Amino acid sequence: MAPKRKERYRKPKKICWHLYSLQTLNPEKFIRVIDKILRREFMVIK
């Protein structure tokens, strides 16, 4: 019988974005994040 493996820790999905952290994103990721913010899947904090 094979030994059981522990489940790996998965980081929680980032849903809250600060305005300053958006400035450091590359253009492709910035577009994806802004799209989700506009669809209200993500939230912007000040």
Protein backbone atom coordinates (compact mmCIF):
# COMPACT_ATOMS: atom_id res chain seq x y z
CA MET A 1 0.00 0.00 0.00
CA ALA A 2 1.40 3.39 -0.98
CA PRO A 3 1.94 5.97 1.78
CA LYS A 4 -0.45 8.89 1.83
CA ARG A 5 0.93 12.20 0.68
CA LYS A 6 0.27 15.44 2.45
CA GLU A 7 -1.57 18.02 0.43
CA ARG A 8 0.62 20.95 -0.53
CA TYR A 9 -0.14 24.34 0.88
CA ARG A 10 -1.78 26.56 -1.72
CA LYS A 11 -1.54 30.29 -1.36
CA PRO A 12 -4.93 32.01 -1.25
CA LYS A 13 -5.93 33.88 -4.37
CA LYS A 14 -5.18 37.59 -4.18
CA ILE A 15 -8.47 39.45 -4.53
CA CYS A 16 -7.62 42.79 -2.89
CA TRP A 17 -5.30 45.07 -4.83
CA HIS A 18 -3.65 48.26 -3.66
CA LEU A 19 -3.26 51.09 -6.16
CA TYR A 20 0.52 51.10 -5.79
CA SER A 21 0.82 47.37 -6.42
CA LEU A 22 -1.07 47.76 -9.70
CA GLN A 23 1.60 50.17 -10.91
CA THR A 24 4.31 47.51 -10.69
CA LEU A 25 2.52 44.88 -12.81
CA ASN A 26 3.55 44.06 -16.33
CA PRO A 27 1.03 45.22 -18.98
CA GLU A 28 -0.56 41.80 -19.61
CA LYS A 29 -1.21 41.08 -15.95
CA PHE A 30 -2.38 44.66 -15.38
CA ILE A 31 -5.04 44.24 -18.08
CA ARG A 32 -6.24 40.93 -16.58
CA VAL A 33 -6.47 42.39 -13.07
CA ILE A 34 -8.27 45.54 -14.20
CA ASP A 35 -10.75 43.44 -16.18
CA LYS A 36 -11.57 41.44 -13.04
CA ILE A 37 -11.84 44.61 -10.98
CA LEU A 38 -14.36 45.98 -13.45
CA ARG A 39 -16.33 42.72 -13.25
CA ARG A 40 -16.18 43.04 -9.43
CA GLU A 41 -14.29 39.77 -8.96
CA PHE A 42 -11.38 41.69 -7.40
CA MET A 43 -11.40 44.70 -5.12
CA VAL A 44 -9.21 47.81 -4.97
CA ILE A 45 -8.18 49.17 -1.60
CA LYS A 46 -6.83 52.63 -0.96
